[in-house]
Amino acid sequence: MTPVGQTLAVDRDLHQPVALRAAELATRVVPPARSSTHHLPLGARTGRAATGSDAGFTFIELMAVLAILAILLAVAIPSFFRVTRSASDRAAQSNLNTAMLHAKAVYQSNGQSFSTPIAVVASVLPPSEPGVTFTTGNSTGQGVVSVFPTADGSAIVLAAFTRSNNCWYQIDNPSGNAAAVQPFTRTGANVSGGATAMTGGAVTTVAAGGLRFSGTTPGTTYVEVKGDRLATDCNARNPTIPANTSYQWLRTAFPAN
């Protein structure tokens, strides 16, 4: 049987290390926790290969990017030019329609005449929009409208050239009694180019020559000459068409291009 004093001494020896250990744990500084990738190389942690310097694109990657860009450009550039040409044609048609409204206003003020007492010429027609001008010569662009009233005042021709190499004409012959002077003829009711007469609505390829409008059919005629690269041909007084040029006309609106 162990004496009481000896038992107490043993208990104190057993508890003394626990107390010291608790004190040490309370004063110990715990280092911050490290992530699972802490010991990985820098390149592995960033998802890039460690090469001693920042790695760029490989040759194959660059070629793939260039191929994609080439495909996009091949699709986008033709579409861009088509939209640009179409916009130019629409602007020319709009300018002709507005100019014709002004010309008809003068026609009514003159007592139904395009020439007397006030001739509908470039100096008479006000600009329909900023950047639009009028000329008695040939049209050089969608914003330059060529104007020609017949001497007898019975009809008027307007023309506008576009960057799509089209020339648009708008002819008004209210009474259907225009004199047989260029660019009008008294021999038929159809528009003709070179030696070819064309029924409205069809597209016809013709030989080189002058473009003639009917002097006997009343109303407004809308004409498109396609593929003429010469702006000098787009002249309201002397409309000309080169060989193998196609044209189309309607009585109700401009032909769809």
Protein backbone atom coordinates (compact mmCIF):
# COMPACT_ATOMS: atom_id res chain seq x y z
CA MET A 1 0.00 0.00 0.00
CA THR A 2 1.41 3.30 -1.16
CA PRO A 3 1.60 6.10 1.34
CA VAL A 4 -0.64 9.09 0.76
CA GLY A 5 2.18 11.54 0.38
CA GLN A 6 3.87 9.43 -2.25
CA THR A 7 0.65 9.22 -4.33
CA LEU A 8 0.25 12.97 -4.36
CA ALA A 9 3.80 13.40 -5.52
CA VAL A 10 3.24 11.02 -8.46
CA ASP A 11 0.02 12.86 -9.47
CA ARG A 12 1.84 16.19 -9.52
CA ASP A 13 4.56 14.68 -11.76
CA LEU A 14 1.95 13.34 -14.20
CA HIS A 15 0.06 16.63 -14.51
CA GLN A 16 3.04 18.93 -14.69
CA PRO A 17 3.99 18.04 -18.33
CA VAL A 18 0.36 18.55 -19.45
CA ALA A 19 0.29 22.04 -18.02
CA LEU A 20 3.56 22.95 -19.63
CA ARG A 21 2.39 21.55 -22.96
CA ALA A 22 -0.82 23.61 -22.80
CA ALA A 23 1.16 26.78 -22.13
CA GLU A 24 3.44 26.11 -25.06
CA LEU A 25 0.50 25.52 -27.39
CA ALA A 26 -1.13 28.78 -26.28
CA THR A 27 1.94 30.85 -27.09
CA ARG A 28 3.02 29.07 -30.29
CA VAL A 29 2.51 30.96 -33.60
CA VAL A 30 0.76 28.73 -36.11
CA PRO A 31 2.12 29.29 -39.69
CA PRO A 32 -0.47 30.10 -42.42
CA ALA A 33 -1.96 27.17 -44.25
CA ARG A 34 -0.45 26.47 -47.64
CA SER A 35 -2.45 25.56 -50.71
CA SER A 36 -2.19 22.22 -52.40
CA THR A 37 -0.22 23.84 -55.21
CA HIS A 38 2.29 25.64 -53.02
CA HIS A 39 5.10 23.25 -53.81
CA LEU A 40 4.30 23.10 -57.54
CA PRO A 41 6.49 24.97 -60.07
CA LEU A 42 5.34 28.43 -61.10
CA GLY A 43 4.38 27.28 -64.57
CA ALA A 44 2.21 24.48 -63.22
CA ARG A 45 0.35 26.86 -60.89
CA THR A 46 -0.40 29.38 -63.68
CA GLY A 47 -1.28 26.82 -66.32
CA ARG A 48 1.68 27.87 -68.50
CA ALA A 49 4.88 26.07 -69.21
CA ALA A 50 7.89 27.27 -67.27
CA THR A 51 10.40 28.14 -69.98
CA GLY A 52 12.45 30.78 -68.24
CA SER A 53 10.42 33.56 -69.92
CA ASP A 54 6.75 34.14 -70.85
CA ALA A 55 5.81 31.81 -73.68
CA GLY A 56 3.89 33.24 -76.74
CA PHE A 57 1.71 31.61 -79.37
CA THR A 58 3.03 28.66 -81.24
CA PHE A 59 3.39 28.74 -85.02
CA ILE A 60 0.42 26.41 -85.46
CA GLU A 61 -1.76 28.65 -83.29
CA LEU A 62 -0.79 31.73 -85.32
CA MET A 63 -1.52 29.94 -88.59
CA ALA A 64 -4.93 28.88 -87.29
CA VAL A 65 -5.79 32.46 -86.31
CA LEU A 66 -4.66 33.78 -89.69
CA ALA A 67 -6.73 31.16 -91.49
CA ILE A 68 -9.83 32.14 -89.54
CA LEU A 69 -9.24 35.82 -90.28
CA ALA A 70 -8.80 35.07 -93.99
CA ILE A 71 -12.11 33.21 -94.07
CA LEU A 72 -13.92 36.06 -92.29
CA LEU A 73 -12.46 38.65 -94.66
CA ALA A 74 -13.35 36.57 -97.70
CA VAL A 75 -16.97 36.58 -96.57
CA ALA A 76 -17.21 40.11 -95.19
CA ILE A 77 -15.47 42.16 -97.90
CA PRO A 78 -17.75 41.18 -100.83
CA SER A 79 -20.80 41.73 -98.62
CA PHE A 80 -19.50 45.15 -97.63
CA PHE A 81 -19.03 46.20 -101.27
CA ARG A 82 -22.49 44.91 -102.21
CA VAL A 83 -24.07 46.93 -99.42
CA THR A 84 -22.06 50.01 -100.42
CA ARG A 85 -23.09 49.74 -104.07
CA SER A 86 -26.72 49.17 -103.16
CA ALA A 87 -26.68 52.21 -100.86
CA SER A 88 -25.22 54.33 -103.66
CA ASP A 89 -28.00 53.25 -106.03
CA ARG A 90 -30.67 53.97 -103.45
CA ALA A 91 -29.23 57.42 -102.78
CA ALA A 92 -29.21 58.24 -106.51
CA GLN A 93 -32.84 57.14 -106.87
CA SER A 94 -33.85 59.23 -103.88
CA ASN A 95 -32.08 62.29 -105.29
CA LEU A 96 -33.80 61.83 -108.66
CA ASN A 97 -37.24 61.47 -107.05
CA THR A 98 -36.76 64.63 -105.00
CA ALA A 99 -35.37 66.58 -107.96
CA MET A 100 -38.37 65.52 -110.06
CA LEU A 101 -40.75 66.82 -107.40
CA HIS A 102 -39.06 70.23 -107.62
CA ALA A 103 -39.13 70.10 -111.43
CA LYS A 104 -42.84 69.34 -111.46
CA ALA A 105 -43.48 72.23 -109.09
CA VAL A 106 -41.80 74.57 -111.59
CA TYR A 107 -43.75 72.85 -114.40
CA GLN A 108 -47.03 73.74 -112.72
CA SER A 109 -45.89 77.29 -111.92
CA ASN A 110 -45.01 77.76 -115.61
CA GLY A 111 -48.50 76.76 -116.71
CA GLN A 112 -47.43 73.18 -117.50
CA SER A 113 -44.08 73.79 -119.14
CA PHE A 114 -40.57 72.70 -118.21
CA SER A 115 -38.95 75.51 -120.21
CA THR A 116 -40.98 78.74 -120.28
CA PRO A 117 -41.08 81.22 -118.75
CA ILE A 118 -38.65 79.59 -116.32
CA ALA A 119 -36.50 76.78 -117.69
CA VAL A 120 -35.96 73.89 -115.27
CA VAL A 121 -32.18 73.97 -115.27
CA ALA A 122 -29.48 73.39 -112.68
CA SER A 123 -29.69 76.93 -111.32
CA VAL A 124 -33.44 76.68 -110.75
CA LEU A 125 -33.64 73.40 -108.85
CA PRO A 126 -32.85 73.77 -105.13
CA PRO A 127 -30.61 71.18 -103.47
CA SER A 128 -32.79 68.29 -102.32
CA GLU A 129 -30.29 67.34 -99.61
CA PRO A 130 -26.92 68.60 -98.38
CA GLY A 131 -24.24 67.56 -100.83
CA VAL A 132 -26.61 67.27 -103.84
CA THR A 133 -25.97 69.51 -106.83
CA PHE A 134 -27.40 69.87 -110.34
CA THR A 135 -25.67 70.18 -113.69
CA THR A 136 -26.50 70.51 -117.39
CA GLY A 137 -23.54 68.23 -118.17
CA ASN A 138 -23.04 64.61 -117.20
CA SER A 139 -23.51 63.23 -113.71
CA THR A 140 -20.31 62.34 -111.90
CA GLY A 141 -21.85 60.69 -108.85
CA GLN A 142 -24.97 59.96 -106.92
CA GLY A 143 -25.05 63.50 -105.55
CA VAL A 144 -24.71 65.20 -108.96
CA VAL A 145 -27.97 65.18 -110.94
CA SER A 146 -27.85 65.90 -114.68
CA VAL A 147 -30.84 67.96 -115.88
CA PHE A 148 -32.27 68.46 -119.41
CA PRO A 149 -35.68 70.02 -120.22
CA THR A 150 -36.79 69.86 -123.83
CA ALA A 151 -36.93 73.17 -125.71
CA ASP A 152 -40.69 72.88 -126.21
CA GLY A 153 -41.14 72.40 -122.44
CA SER A 154 -43.10 69.18 -122.81
CA ALA A 155 -40.65 66.80 -121.07
CA ILE A 156 -37.64 66.62 -118.79
CA VAL A 157 -34.83 64.10 -118.24
CA LEU A 158 -32.84 63.63 -115.03
CA ALA A 159 -29.80 61.35 -114.62
CA ALA A 160 -27.49 60.23 -111.80
CA PHE A 161 -24.37 58.04 -111.90
CA THR A 162 -23.41 55.71 -109.04
CA ARG A 163 -20.24 54.01 -107.83
CA SER A 164 -21.71 50.65 -108.84
CA ASN A 165 -21.27 51.76 -112.48
CA ASN A 166 -24.99 52.23 -112.99
CA CYS A 167 -26.68 55.24 -114.53
CA TRP A 168 -30.23 55.97 -113.44
CA TYR A 169 -32.66 58.06 -115.51
CA GLN A 170 -36.02 59.52 -114.61
CA ILE A 171 -38.02 60.95 -117.50
CA ASP A 172 -41.29 62.85 -117.20
CA ASN A 173 -43.41 63.42 -120.30
CA PRO A 174 -46.78 64.52 -118.89
CA SER A 175 -48.59 65.06 -122.17
CA GLY A 176 -46.92 62.36 -124.22
CA ASN A 177 -46.14 64.95 -126.85
CA ALA A 178 -42.37 65.51 -126.60
CA ALA A 179 -40.66 66.80 -129.72
CA ALA A 180 -38.66 64.32 -131.78
CA VAL A 181 -35.33 65.62 -130.52
CA GLN A 182 -32.60 63.79 -128.71
CA PRO A 183 -33.09 61.95 -126.39
CA PHE A 184 -36.72 61.49 -127.50
CA THR A 185 -38.12 59.71 -130.51
CA ARG A 186 -41.57 59.72 -132.12
CA THR A 187 -41.23 56.32 -133.76
CA GLY A 188 -42.42 54.08 -130.94
CA ALA A 189 -43.74 53.73 -127.42
CA ASN A 190 -40.73 51.85 -126.04
CA VAL A 191 -37.36 52.93 -124.77
CA SER A 192 -34.59 51.98 -127.19
CA GLY A 193 -30.82 51.73 -127.02
CA GLY A 194 -28.60 51.51 -130.07
CA ALA A 195 -30.81 49.75 -132.59
CA THR A 196 -32.77 47.74 -130.02
CA ALA A 197 -36.25 48.60 -128.80
CA MET A 198 -37.10 47.12 -125.45
CA THR A 199 -40.40 46.28 -123.83
CA GLY A 200 -40.69 47.56 -120.30
CA GLY A 201 -39.53 45.25 -117.54
CA ALA A 202 -37.10 43.15 -119.57
CA VAL A 203 -33.32 43.38 -119.33
CA THR A 204 -31.69 43.76 -122.73
CA THR A 205 -28.05 43.82 -123.80
CA VAL A 206 -27.59 46.25 -126.66
CA ALA A 207 -25.02 47.57 -129.07
CA ALA A 208 -23.30 50.88 -128.47
CA GLY A 209 -25.36 53.94 -129.28
CA GLY A 210 -27.66 56.58 -127.92
CA LEU A 211 -30.46 55.91 -125.49
CA ARG A 212 -33.87 57.08 -126.71
CA PHE A 213 -37.07 57.61 -124.77
CA SER A 214 -40.59 57.51 -126.12
CA GLY A 215 -41.97 60.92 -127.03
CA THR A 216 -45.50 59.63 -127.46
CA THR A 217 -46.15 57.79 -124.18
CA PRO A 218 -47.37 60.06 -121.35
CA GLY A 219 -46.19 59.72 -117.80
CA THR A 220 -42.92 58.96 -116.02
CA THR A 221 -40.30 56.45 -117.14
CA TYR A 222 -37.60 54.98 -114.89
CA VAL A 223 -34.47 53.59 -116.56
CA GLU A 224 -31.37 51.80 -115.29
CA VAL A 225 -28.26 51.34 -117.43
CA LYS A 226 -26.10 48.65 -115.85
CA GLY A 227 -22.35 48.23 -116.04
CA ASP A 228 -21.38 51.49 -117.75
CA ARG A 229 -18.05 52.52 -116.25
CA LEU A 230 -17.99 55.89 -118.00
CA ALA A 231 -19.64 58.68 -116.05
CA THR A 232 -19.55 60.81 -119.21
CA ASP A 233 -22.23 58.52 -120.69
CA CYS A 234 -24.64 59.42 -117.89
CA ASN A 235 -25.93 62.63 -119.44
CA ALA A 236 -29.57 63.72 -119.39
CA ARG A 237 -29.20 65.62 -122.69
CA ASN A 238 -27.18 62.99 -124.51
CA PRO A 239 -27.58 59.59 -122.80
CA THR A 240 -25.13 57.07 -124.24
CA ILE A 241 -24.61 53.36 -123.75
CA PRO A 242 -21.48 51.35 -124.61
CA ALA A 243 -21.48 47.97 -126.31
CA ASN A 244 -22.70 44.96 -124.33
CA THR A 245 -24.39 47.15 -121.76
CA SER A 246 -27.73 46.04 -120.38
CA TYR A 247 -30.55 48.31 -119.42
CA GLN A 248 -34.07 48.07 -118.07
CA TRP A 249 -37.00 50.41 -117.69
CA LEU A 250 -40.37 50.57 -115.97
CA ARG A 251 -43.30 52.98 -115.85
CA THR A 252 -44.06 52.62 -112.15
CA ALA A 253 -40.75 52.72 -110.26
CA PHE A 254 -37.01 52.23 -110.65
CA PRO A 255 -36.04 48.70 -111.71
CA ALA A 256 -34.77 46.50 -108.91
CA ASN A 257 -31.02 46.17 -109.24
